[in-house]
Amino acid sequence: MDRMNDKLDTLWKEYREACPDQEGGPGFMPGLWQRIEARRVANLSIFRRLTQVCVGATVALTVLMGVVLIPRIEKALVENASYVDVLAADHPSTYVEILTGDIK
């Protein structure tokens, strides 16, 4: 057991020699936090930029649908409707609509 303790003590001694303790000066903690914040800001800026691109694309798609696509679809439906379709849409087709007062 003493031999294992001696090996362990030797290992710890080599470790301390390879990785000496750094002296903590007055700027140690502020410098450490500056490095942590710099990494954190760099990671957040990537996600922020990705979010901005996705939101911008969503707004552009919504405007495109509202200005261009929906009026074309509505116009196509009106142009393709027959006289009977227009009359059927204008008058109630069931007694429930007549009784509830949903008559146009």
PDB file of N, CA and C in Angstrom:
ATOM      1  N   MET A   1       0.812  -1.186   0.000  1.00  0.00           N
ATOM      2  CA  MET A   1       0.000   0.000   0.000  1.00  0.00           C
ATOM      3  C   MET A   1       0.865   1.264   0.000  1.00  0.00           C
ATOM      4  N   ASP A   2       2.001   1.148   0.716  1.00  0.00           N
ATOM      5  CA  ASP A   2       2.922   2.290   0.752  1.00  0.00           C
ATOM      6  C   ASP A   2       3.499   2.566  -0.631  1.00  0.00           C
ATOM      7  N   ARG A   3       3.708   1.501  -1.359  1.00  0.00           N
ATOM      8  CA  ARG A   3       4.255   1.661  -2.721  1.00  0.00           C
ATOM      9  C   ARG A   3       3.265   2.403  -3.613  1.00  0.00           C
ATOM     10  N   MET A   4       1.964   2.103  -3.489  1.00  0.00           N
ATOM     11  CA  MET A   4       0.926   2.789  -4.283  1.00  0.00           C
ATOM     12  C   MET A   4       0.843   4.260  -3.875  1.00  0.00           C
ATOM     13  N   ASN A   5       0.957   4.523  -2.574  1.00  0.00           N
ATOM     14  CA  ASN A   5       0.940   5.910  -2.101  1.00  0.00           C
ATOM     15  C   ASN A   5       2.146   6.689  -2.631  1.00  0.00           C
ATOM     16  N   ASP A   6       3.305   6.029  -2.676  1.00  0.00           N
ATOM     17  CA  ASP A   6       4.493   6.687  -3.212  1.00  0.00           C
ATOM     18  C   ASP A   6       4.321   7.009  -4.690  1.00  0.00           C
ATOM     19  N   LYS A   7       3.728   6.065  -5.449  1.00  0.00           N
ATOM     20  CA  LYS A   7       3.479   6.314  -6.876  1.00  0.00           C
ATOM     21  C   LYS A   7       2.493   7.465  -7.060  1.00  0.00           C
ATOM     22  N   LEU A   8       1.484   7.485  -6.204  1.00  0.00           N
ATOM     23  CA  LEU A   8       0.485   8.547  -6.299  1.00  0.00           C
ATOM     24  C   LEU A   8       1.100   9.897  -5.931  1.00  0.00           C
ATOM     25  N   ASP A   9       1.930   9.927  -4.907  1.00  0.00           N
ATOM     26  CA  ASP A   9       2.614  11.169  -4.533  1.00  0.00           C
ATOM     27  C   ASP A   9       3.521  11.655  -5.654  1.00  0.00           C
ATOM     28  N   THR A  10       4.204  10.736  -6.311  1.00  0.00           N
ATOM     29  CA  THR A  10       5.074  11.086  -7.435  1.00  0.00           C
ATOM     30  C   THR A  10       4.250  11.653  -8.590  1.00  0.00           C
ATOM     31  N   LEU A  11       3.119  11.043  -8.833  1.00  0.00           N
ATOM     32  CA  LEU A  11       2.231  11.513  -9.899  1.00  0.00           C
ATOM     33  C   LEU A  11       1.724  12.928  -9.614  1.00  0.00           C
ATOM     34  N   TRP A  12       1.324  13.158  -8.369  1.00  0.00           N
ATOM     35  CA  TRP A  12       0.845  14.503  -8.001  1.00  0.00           C
ATOM     36  C   TRP A  12       1.976  15.530  -8.109  1.00  0.00           C
ATOM     37  N   LYS A  13       3.176  15.160  -7.741  1.00  0.00           N
ATOM     38  CA  LYS A  13       4.321  16.070  -7.833  1.00  0.00           C
ATOM     39  C   LYS A  13       4.601  16.431  -9.287  1.00  0.00           C
ATOM     40  N   GLU A  14       4.571  15.436 -10.181  1.00  0.00           N
ATOM     41  CA  GLU A  14       4.785  15.694 -11.614  1.00  0.00           C
ATOM     42  C   GLU A  14       3.677  16.578 -12.180  1.00  0.00           C
ATOM     43  N   TYR A  15       2.473  16.350 -11.699  1.00  0.00           N
ATOM     44  CA  TYR A  15       1.341  17.160 -12.176  1.00  0.00           C
ATOM     45  C   TYR A  15       1.512  18.628 -11.757  1.00  0.00           C
ATOM     46  N   ARG A  16       1.902  18.860 -10.499  1.00  0.00           N
ATOM     47  CA  ARG A  16       2.102  20.228 -10.015  1.00  0.00           C
ATOM     48  C   ARG A  16       3.227  20.921 -10.770  1.00  0.00           C
ATOM     49  N   GLU A  17       4.260  20.180 -11.139  1.00  0.00           N
ATOM     50  CA  GLU A  17       5.360  20.766 -11.900  1.00  0.00           C
ATOM     51  C   GLU A  17       4.922  21.086 -13.332  1.00  0.00           C
ATOM     52  N   ALA A  18       4.074  20.235 -13.913  1.00  0.00           N
ATOM     53  CA  ALA A  18       3.628  20.448 -15.293  1.00  0.00           C
ATOM     54  C   ALA A  18       2.591  21.570 -15.385  1.00  0.00           C
ATOM     55  N   CYS A  19       1.758  21.694 -14.370  1.00  0.00           N
ATOM     56  CA  CYS A  19       0.687  22.695 -14.363  1.00  0.00           C
ATOM     57  C   CYS A  19       0.794  23.529 -13.094  1.00  0.00           C
ATOM     58  N   PRO A  20       1.667  24.522 -13.095  1.00  0.00           N
ATOM     59  CA  PRO A  20       1.817  25.322 -11.872  1.00  0.00           C
ATOM     60  C   PRO A  20       0.587  26.209 -11.652  1.00  0.00           C
ATOM     61  N   ASP A  21       0.350  26.552 -10.395  1.00  0.00           N
ATOM     62  CA  ASP A  21      -0.756  27.454 -10.061  1.00  0.00           C
ATOM     63  C   ASP A  21      -0.416  28.852 -10.537  1.00  0.00           C
ATOM     64  N   GLN A  22      -1.381  29.492 -11.139  1.00  0.00           N
ATOM     65  CA  GLN A  22      -1.179  30.867 -11.571  1.00  0.00           C
ATOM     66  C   GLN A  22      -1.500  31.800 -10.418  1.00  0.00           C
ATOM     67  N   GLU A  23      -0.702  32.826 -10.334  1.00  0.00           N
ATOM     68  CA  GLU A  23      -0.941  33.813  -9.289  1.00  0.00           C
ATOM     69  C   GLU A  23      -2.129  34.679  -9.707  1.00  0.00           C
ATOM     70  N   GLY A  24      -3.097  34.792  -8.827  1.00  0.00           N
ATOM     71  CA  GLY A  24      -4.265  35.605  -9.116  1.00  0.00           C
ATOM     72  C   GLY A  24      -3.992  37.059  -8.789  1.00  0.00           C
ATOM     73  N   GLY A  25      -3.937  37.873  -9.834  1.00  0.00           N
ATOM     74  CA  GLY A  25      -3.717  39.301  -9.637  1.00  0.00           C
ATOM     75  C   GLY A  25      -5.051  40.040  -9.569  1.00  0.00           C
ATOM     76  N   PRO A  26      -5.024  41.352  -9.486  1.00  0.00           N
ATOM     77  CA  PRO A  26      -6.259  42.124  -9.391  1.00  0.00           C
ATOM     78  C   PRO A  26      -7.102  42.062 -10.661  1.00  0.00           C
ATOM     79  N   GLY A  27      -6.501  41.770 -11.791  1.00  0.00           N
ATOM     80  CA  GLY A  27      -7.259  41.716 -13.041  1.00  0.00           C
ATOM     81  C   GLY A  27      -7.662  40.309 -13.458  1.00  0.00           C
ATOM     82  N   PHE A  28      -7.436  39.331 -12.577  1.00  0.00           N
ATOM     83  CA  PHE A  28      -7.705  37.942 -12.955  1.00  0.00           C
ATOM     84  C   PHE A  28      -9.194  37.696 -13.207  1.00  0.00           C
ATOM     85  N   MET A  29     -10.057  37.998 -12.251  1.00  0.00           N
ATOM     86  CA  MET A  29     -11.496  37.727 -12.405  1.00  0.00           C
ATOM     87  C   MET A  29     -12.129  38.601 -13.490  1.00  0.00           C
ATOM     88  N   PRO A  30     -11.842  39.909 -13.554  1.00  0.00           N
ATOM     89  CA  PRO A  30     -12.419  40.693 -14.660  1.00  0.00           C
ATOM     90  C   PRO A  30     -11.992  40.169 -16.029  1.00  0.00           C
ATOM     91  N   GLY A  31     -10.738  39.767 -16.139  1.00  0.00           N
ATOM     92  CA  GLY A  31     -10.271  39.211 -17.419  1.00  0.00           C
ATOM     93  C   GLY A  31     -10.959  37.908 -17.757  1.00  0.00           C
ATOM     94  N   LEU A  32     -11.157  37.075 -16.736  1.00  0.00           N
ATOM     95  CA  LEU A  32     -11.848  35.805 -16.946  1.00  0.00           C
ATOM     96  C   LEU A  32     -13.280  36.041 -17.411  1.00  0.00           C
ATOM     97  N   TRP A  33     -13.988  36.968 -16.772  1.00  0.00           N
ATOM     98  CA  TRP A  33     -15.376  37.254 -17.167  1.00  0.00           C
ATOM     99  C   TRP A  33     -15.447  37.891 -18.555  1.00  0.00           C
ATOM    100  N   GLN A  34     -14.474  38.690 -18.909  1.00  0.00           N
ATOM    101  CA  GLN A  34     -14.458  39.264 -20.258  1.00  0.00           C
ATOM    102  C   GLN A  34     -14.322  38.175 -21.317  1.00  0.00           C
ATOM    103  N   ARG A  35     -13.476  37.194 -21.060  1.00  0.00           N
ATOM    104  CA  ARG A  35     -13.338  36.090 -22.014  1.00  0.00           C
ATOM    105  C   ARG A  35     -14.613  35.257 -22.100  1.00  0.00           C
ATOM    106  N   ILE A  36     -15.261  35.022 -20.946  1.00  0.00           N
ATOM    107  CA  ILE A  36     -16.519  34.258 -20.940  1.00  0.00           C
ATOM    108  C   ILE A  36     -17.591  35.013 -21.704  1.00  0.00           C
ATOM    109  N   GLU A  37     -17.730  36.310 -21.457  1.00  0.00           N
ATOM    110  CA  GLU A  37     -18.740  37.122 -22.146  1.00  0.00           C
ATOM    111  C   GLU A  37     -18.471  37.200 -23.644  1.00  0.00           C
ATOM    112  N   ALA A  38     -17.203  37.281 -24.042  1.00  0.00           N
ATOM    113  CA  ALA A  38     -16.872  37.343 -25.470  1.00  0.00           C
ATOM    114  C   ALA A  38     -17.319  36.073 -26.181  1.00  0.00           C
ATOM    115  N   ARG A  39     -17.110  34.925 -25.574  1.00  0.00           N
ATOM    116  CA  ARG A  39     -17.557  33.668 -26.181  1.00  0.00           C
ATOM    117  C   ARG A  39     -19.076  33.596 -26.227  1.00  0.00           C
ATOM    118  N   ARG A  40     -19.714  34.030 -25.154  1.00  0.00           N
ATOM    119  CA  ARG A  40     -21.177  33.969 -25.078  1.00  0.00           C
ATOM    120  C   ARG A  40     -21.815  34.895 -26.114  1.00  0.00           C
ATOM    121  N   VAL A  41     -21.279  36.091 -26.270  1.00  0.00           N
ATOM    122  CA  VAL A  41     -21.810  37.035 -27.253  1.00  0.00           C
ATOM    123  C   VAL A  41     -21.614  36.496 -28.668  1.00  0.00           C
ATOM    124  N   ALA A  42     -20.493  35.860 -28.925  1.00  0.00           N
ATOM    125  CA  ALA A  42     -20.246  35.302 -30.258  1.00  0.00           C
ATOM    126  C   ALA A  42     -21.266  34.221 -30.586  1.00  0.00           C
ATOM    127  N   ASN A  43     -21.576  33.357 -29.619  1.00  0.00           N
ATOM    128  CA  ASN A  43     -22.563  32.301 -29.852  1.00  0.00           C
ATOM    129  C   ASN A  43     -23.956  32.879 -30.028  1.00  0.00           C
ATOM    130  N   LEU A  44     -24.311  33.869 -29.239  1.00  0.00           N
ATOM    131  CA  LEU A  44     -25.641  34.464 -29.339  1.00  0.00           C
ATOM    132  C   LEU A  44     -25.816  35.238 -30.634  1.00  0.00           C
ATOM    133  N   SER A  45     -24.758  35.837 -31.153  1.00  0.00           N
ATOM    134  CA  SER A  45     -24.897  36.610 -32.385  1.00  0.00           C
ATOM    135  C   SER A  45     -25.234  35.707 -33.570  1.00  0.00           C
ATOM    136  N   ILE A  46     -24.763  34.481 -33.552  1.00  0.00           N
ATOM    137  CA  ILE A  46     -25.096  33.537 -34.632  1.00  0.00           C
ATOM    138  C   ILE A  46     -26.589  33.219 -34.592  1.00  0.00           C
ATOM    139  N   PHE A  47     -27.115  32.921 -33.396  1.00  0.00           N
ATOM    140  CA  PHE A  47     -28.536  32.609 -33.279  1.00  0.00           C
ATOM    141  C   PHE A  47     -29.395  33.842 -33.550  1.00  0.00           C
ATOM    142  N   ARG A  48     -28.929  35.021 -33.133  1.00  0.00           N
ATOM    143  CA  ARG A  48     -29.674  36.248 -33.383  1.00  0.00           C
ATOM    144  C   ARG A  48     -29.780  36.496 -34.893  1.00  0.00           C
ATOM    145  N   ARG A  49     -28.703  36.307 -35.593  1.00  0.00           N
ATOM    146  CA  ARG A  49     -28.701  36.522 -37.046  1.00  0.00           C
ATOM    147  C   ARG A  49     -29.617  35.505 -37.736  1.00  0.00           C
ATOM    148  N   LEU A  50     -29.565  34.252 -37.313  1.00  0.00           N
ATOM    149  CA  LEU A  50     -30.432  33.220 -37.884  1.00  0.00           C
ATOM    150  C   LEU A  50     -31.901  33.558 -37.639  1.00  0.00           C
ATOM    151  N   THR A  51     -32.210  34.047 -36.449  1.00  0.00           N
ATOM    152  CA  THR A  51     -33.578  34.434 -36.128  1.00  0.00           C
ATOM    153  C   THR A  51     -34.027  35.603 -36.985  1.00  0.00           C
ATOM    154  N   GLN A  52     -33.177  36.585 -37.192  1.00  0.00           N
ATOM    155  CA  GLN A  52     -33.524  37.728 -38.024  1.00  0.00           C
ATOM    156  C   GLN A  52     -33.803  37.304 -39.464  1.00  0.00           C
ATOM    157  N   VAL A  53     -33.014  36.390 -39.977  1.00  0.00           N
ATOM    158  CA  VAL A  53     -33.231  35.908 -41.348  1.00  0.00           C
ATOM    159  C   VAL A  53     -34.564  35.171 -41.452  1.00  0.00           C
ATOM    160  N   CYS A  54     -34.871  34.314 -40.469  1.00  0.00           N
ATOM    161  CA  CYS A  54     -36.133  33.562 -40.496  1.00  0.00           C
ATOM    162  C   CYS A  54     -37.339  34.493 -40.381  1.00  0.00           C
ATOM    163  N   VAL A  55     -37.265  35.473 -39.500  1.00  0.00           N
ATOM    164  CA  VAL A  55     -38.377  36.423 -39.347  1.00  0.00           C
ATOM    165  C   VAL A  55     -38.543  37.249 -40.613  1.00  0.00           C
ATOM    166  N   GLY A  56     -37.472  37.682 -41.201  1.00  0.00           N
ATOM    167  CA  GLY A  56     -37.544  38.447 -42.451  1.00  0.00           C
ATOM    168  C   GLY A  56     -38.155  37.639 -43.582  1.00  0.00           C
ATOM    169  N   ALA A  57     -37.762  36.383 -43.682  1.00  0.00           N
ATOM    170  CA  ALA A  57     -38.324  35.524 -44.729  1.00  0.00           C
ATOM    171  C   ALA A  57     -39.814  35.288 -44.494  1.00  0.00           C
ATOM    172  N   THR A  58     -40.217  35.145 -43.240  1.00  0.00           N
ATOM    173  CA  THR A  58     -41.633  34.949 -42.923  1.00  0.00           C
ATOM    174  C   THR A  58     -42.449  36.181 -43.279  1.00  0.00           C
ATOM    175  N   VAL A  59     -41.928  37.356 -42.963  1.00  0.00           N
ATOM    176  CA  VAL A  59     -42.634  38.603 -43.307  1.00  0.00           C
ATOM    177  C   VAL A  59     -42.748  38.745 -44.820  1.00  0.00           C
ATOM    178  N   ALA A  60     -41.681  38.475 -45.539  1.00  0.00           N
ATOM    179  CA  ALA A  60     -41.717  38.587 -47.000  1.00  0.00           C
ATOM    180  C   ALA A  60     -42.720  37.610 -47.601  1.00  0.00           C
ATOM    181  N   LEU A  61     -42.751  36.389 -47.094  1.00  0.00           N
ATOM    182  CA  LEU A  61     -43.698  35.397 -47.594  1.00  0.00           C
ATOM    183  C   LEU A  61     -45.133  35.799 -47.293  1.00  0.00           C
ATOM    184  N   THR A  62     -45.364  36.348 -46.106  1.00  0.00           N
ATOM    185  CA  THR A  62     -46.711  36.789 -45.738  1.00  0.00           C
ATOM    186  C   THR A  62     -47.170  37.928 -46.624  1.00  0.00           C
ATOM    187  N   VAL A  63     -46.317  38.890 -46.881  1.00  0.00           N
ATOM    188  CA  VAL A  63     -46.669  40.014 -47.758  1.00  0.00           C
ATOM    189  C   VAL A  63     -46.920  39.506 -49.172  1.00  0.00           C
ATOM    190  N   LEU A  64     -46.100  38.603 -49.639  1.00  0.00           N
ATOM    191  CA  LEU A  64     -46.282  38.037 -50.971  1.00  0.00           C
ATOM    192  C   LEU A  64     -47.629  37.340 -51.088  1.00  0.00           C
ATOM    193  N   MET A  65     -47.981  36.557 -50.082  1.00  0.00           N
ATOM    194  CA  MET A  65     -49.261  35.861 -50.108  1.00  0.00           C
ATOM    195  C   MET A  65     -50.420  36.849 -50.053  1.00  0.00           C
ATOM    196  N   GLY A  66     -50.314  37.864 -49.212  1.00  0.00           N
ATOM    197  CA  GLY A  66     -51.406  38.818 -49.048  1.00  0.00           C
ATOM    198  C   GLY A  66     -51.602  39.724 -50.233  1.00  0.00           C
ATOM    199  N   VAL A  67     -50.531  40.098 -50.898  1.00  0.00           N
ATOM    200  CA  VAL A  67     -50.629  41.057 -51.997  1.00  0.00           C
ATOM    201  C   VAL A  67     -50.805  40.371 -53.347  1.00  0.00           C
ATOM    202  N   VAL A  68     -50.150  39.263 -53.558  1.00  0.00           N
ATOM    203  CA  VAL A  68     -50.133  38.664 -54.891  1.00  0.00           C
ATOM    204  C   VAL A  68     -51.007  37.419 -54.995  1.00  0.00           C
ATOM    205  N   LEU A  69     -50.814  36.464 -54.118  1.00  0.00           N
ATOM    206  CA  LEU A  69     -51.442  35.158 -54.309  1.00  0.00           C
ATOM    207  C   LEU A  69     -52.934  35.138 -53.973  1.00  0.00           C
ATOM    208  N   ILE A  70     -53.321  35.674 -52.826  1.00  0.00           N
ATOM    209  CA  ILE A  70     -54.721  35.585 -52.410  1.00  0.00           C
ATOM    210  C   ILE A  70     -55.650  36.320 -53.374  1.00  0.00           C
ATOM    211  N   PRO A  71     -55.340  37.554 -53.824  1.00  0.00           N
ATOM    212  CA  PRO A  71     -56.224  38.187 -54.817  1.00  0.00           C
ATOM    213  C   PRO A  71     -56.342  37.390 -56.123  1.00  0.00           C
ATOM    214  N   ARG A  72     -55.254  36.774 -56.553  1.00  0.00           N
ATOM    215  CA  ARG A  72     -55.324  35.965 -57.781  1.00  0.00           C
ATOM    216  C   ARG A  72     -56.246  34.756 -57.592  1.00  0.00           C
ATOM    217  N   ILE A  73     -56.138  34.108 -56.439  1.00  0.00           N
ATOM    218  CA  ILE A  73     -56.992  32.939 -56.184  1.00  0.00           C
ATOM    219  C   ILE A  73     -58.449  33.356 -56.115  1.00  0.00           C
ATOM    220  N   GLU A  74     -58.741  34.467 -55.424  1.00  0.00           N
ATOM    221  CA  GLU A  74     -60.122  34.935 -55.333  1.00  0.00           C
ATOM    222  C   GLU A  74     -60.657  35.333 -56.708  1.00  0.00           C
ATOM    223  N   LYS A  75     -59.829  35.979 -57.505  1.00  0.00           N
ATOM    224  CA  LYS A  75     -60.245  36.389 -58.846  1.00  0.00           C
ATOM    225  C   LYS A  75     -60.517  35.162 -59.712  1.00  0.00           C
ATOM    226  N   ALA A  76     -59.681  34.149 -59.576  1.00  0.00           N
ATOM    227  CA  ALA A  76     -59.881  32.928 -60.360  1.00  0.00           C
ATOM    228  C   ALA A  76     -61.169  32.231 -59.951  1.00  0.00           C
ATOM    229  N   LEU A  77     -61.491  32.235 -58.664  1.00  0.00           N
ATOM    230  CA  LEU A  77     -62.728  31.604 -58.207  1.00  0.00           C
ATOM    231  C   LEU A  77     -63.953  32.343 -58.741  1.00  0.00           C
ATOM    232  N   VAL A  78     -63.895  33.662 -58.762  1.00  0.00           N
ATOM    233  CA  VAL A  78     -65.023  34.448 -59.270  1.00  0.00           C
ATOM    234  C   VAL A  78     -65.174  34.257 -60.769  1.00  0.00           C
ATOM    235  N   GLU A  79     -64.068  34.235 -61.492  1.00  0.00           N
ATOM    236  CA  GLU A  79     -64.127  34.081 -62.949  1.00  0.00           C
ATOM    237  C   GLU A  79     -64.614  32.692 -63.351  1.00  0.00           C
ATOM    238  N   ASN A  80     -64.348  31.685 -62.570  1.00  0.00           N
ATOM    239  CA  ASN A  80     -64.732  30.324 -62.915  1.00  0.00           C
ATOM    240  C   ASN A  80     -66.117  29.947 -62.400  1.00  0.00           C
ATOM    241  N   ALA A  81     -66.748  30.831 -61.627  1.00  0.00           N
ATOM    242  CA  ALA A  81     -68.052  30.512 -61.066  1.00  0.00           C
ATOM    243  C   ALA A  81     -69.135  30.670 -62.133  1.00  0.00           C
ATOM    244  N   SER A  82     -70.093  29.757 -62.115  1.00  0.00           N
ATOM    245  CA  SER A  82     -71.214  29.850 -63.046  1.00  0.00           C
ATOM    246  C   SER A  82     -72.330  30.668 -62.397  1.00  0.00           C
ATOM    247  N   TYR A  83     -73.354  30.973 -63.177  1.00  0.00           N
ATOM    248  CA  TYR A  83     -74.490  31.742 -62.690  1.00  0.00           C
ATOM    249  C   TYR A  83     -75.188  31.001 -61.553  1.00  0.00           C
ATOM    250  N   VAL A  84     -75.288  29.700 -61.660  1.00  0.00           N
ATOM    251  CA  VAL A  84     -75.934  28.893 -60.625  1.00  0.00           C
ATOM    252  C   VAL A  84     -75.108  28.917 -59.338  1.00  0.00           C
ATOM    253  N   ASP A  85     -73.781  28.874 -59.439  1.00  0.00           N
ATOM    254  CA  ASP A  85     -72.922  28.934 -58.260  1.00  0.00           C
ATOM    255  C   ASP A  85     -73.074  30.261 -57.526  1.00  0.00           C
ATOM    256  N   VAL A  86     -73.180  31.349 -58.281  1.00  0.00           N
ATOM    257  CA  VAL A  86     -73.343  32.663 -57.661  1.00  0.00           C
ATOM    258  C   VAL A  86     -74.688  32.745 -56.957  1.00  0.00           C
ATOM    259  N   LEU A  87     -75.748  32.240 -57.584  1.00  0.00           N
ATOM    260  CA  LEU A  87     -77.074  32.254 -56.957  1.00  0.00           C
ATOM    261  C   LEU A  87     -77.094  31.358 -55.714  1.00  0.00           C
ATOM    262  N   ALA A  88     -76.466  30.197 -55.774  1.00  0.00           N
ATOM    263  CA  ALA A  88     -76.446  29.290 -54.635  1.00  0.00           C
ATOM    264  C   ALA A  88     -75.681  29.898 -53.459  1.00  0.00           C
ATOM    265  N   ALA A  89     -74.627  30.628 -53.746  1.00  0.00           N
ATOM    266  CA  ALA A  89     -73.858  31.263 -52.686  1.00  0.00           C
ATOM    267  C   ALA A  89     -74.615  32.441 -52.086  1.00  0.00           C
ATOM    268  N   ASP A  90     -75.482  33.066 -52.874  1.00  0.00           N
ATOM    269  CA  ASP A  90     -76.195  34.252 -52.415  1.00  0.00           C
ATOM    270  C   ASP A  90     -77.451  33.914 -51.622  1.00  0.00           C
ATOM    271  N   HIS A  91     -78.054  32.751 -51.818  1.00  0.00           N
ATOM    272  CA  HIS A  91     -79.297  32.390 -51.153  1.00  0.00           C
ATOM    273  C   HIS A  91     -79.056  31.240 -50.184  1.00  0.00           C
ATOM    274  N   PRO A  92     -79.790  31.228 -49.054  1.00  0.00           N
ATOM    275  CA  PRO A  92     -79.622  30.127 -48.099  1.00  0.00           C
ATOM    276  C   PRO A  92     -80.065  28.801 -48.715  1.00  0.00           C
ATOM    277  N   SER A  93     -79.322  27.765 -48.387  1.00  0.00           N
ATOM    278  CA  SER A  93     -79.619  26.470 -48.981  1.00  0.00           C
ATOM    279  C   SER A  93     -80.244  25.491 -47.995  1.00  0.00           C
ATOM    280  N   THR A  94     -80.263  25.835 -46.716  1.00  0.00           N
ATOM    281  CA  THR A  94     -80.847  24.920 -45.743  1.00  0.00           C
ATOM    282  C   THR A  94     -81.844  25.663 -44.871  1.00  0.00           C
ATOM    283  N   TYR A  95     -82.730  24.893 -44.270  1.00  0.00           N
ATOM    284  CA  TYR A  95     -83.720  25.501 -43.383  1.00  0.00           C
ATOM    285  C   TYR A  95     -83.074  26.048 -42.115  1.00  0.00           C
ATOM    286  N   VAL A  96     -81.930  25.496 -41.722  1.00  0.00           N
ATOM    287  CA  VAL A  96     -81.244  25.983 -40.532  1.00  0.00           C
ATOM    288  C   VAL A  96     -80.795  27.431 -40.735  1.00  0.00           C
ATOM    289  N   GLU A  97     -80.271  27.738 -41.903  1.00  0.00           N
ATOM    290  CA  GLU A  97     -79.863  29.096 -42.195  1.00  0.00           C
ATOM    291  C   GLU A  97     -81.044  30.041 -42.208  1.00  0.00           C
ATOM    292  N   ILE A  98     -82.170  29.585 -42.725  1.00  0.00           N
ATOM    293  CA  ILE A  98     -83.376  30.428 -42.765  1.00  0.00           C
ATOM    294  C   ILE A  98     -83.883  30.669 -41.351  1.00  0.00           C
ATOM    295  N   LEU A  99     -83.933  29.620 -40.528  1.00  0.00           N
ATOM    296  CA  LEU A  99     -84.461  29.746 -39.162  1.00  0.00           C
ATOM    297  C   LEU A  99     -83.557  30.557 -38.245  1.00  0.00           C
ATOM    298  N   THR A 100     -82.243  30.474 -38.429  1.00  0.00           N
ATOM    299  CA  THR A 100     -81.318  31.217 -37.553  1.00  0.00           C
ATOM    300  C   THR A 100     -81.156  32.645 -38.013  1.00  0.00           C
ATOM    301  N   GLY A 101     -81.656  32.988 -39.165  1.00  0.00           N
ATOM    302  CA  GLY A 101     -81.564  34.361 -39.647  1.00  0.00           C
ATOM    303  C   GLY A 101     -80.279  34.671 -40.359  1.00  0.00           C
ATOM    304  N   ASP A 102     -79.577  33.665 -40.814  1.00  0.00           N
ATOM    305  CA  ASP A 102     -78.325  33.886 -41.560  1.00  0.00           C
ATOM    306  C   ASP A 102     -78.597  34.125 -43.032  1.00  0.00           C
ATOM    307  N   ILE A 103     -79.757  34.680 -43.337  1.00  0.00           N
ATOM    308  CA  ILE A 103     -80.108  34.924 -44.738  1.00  0.00           C
ATOM    309  C   ILE A 103     -79.351  36.152 -45.214  1.00  0.00           C
ATOM    310  N   LYS A 104     -78.761  36.055 -46.375  1.00  0.00           N
ATOM    311  CA  LYS A 104     -77.985  37.167 -46.936  1.00  0.00           C
ATOM    312  C   LYS A 104     -78.896  38.149 -47.641  1.00  0.00           C
TER     313      LYS A 104
END
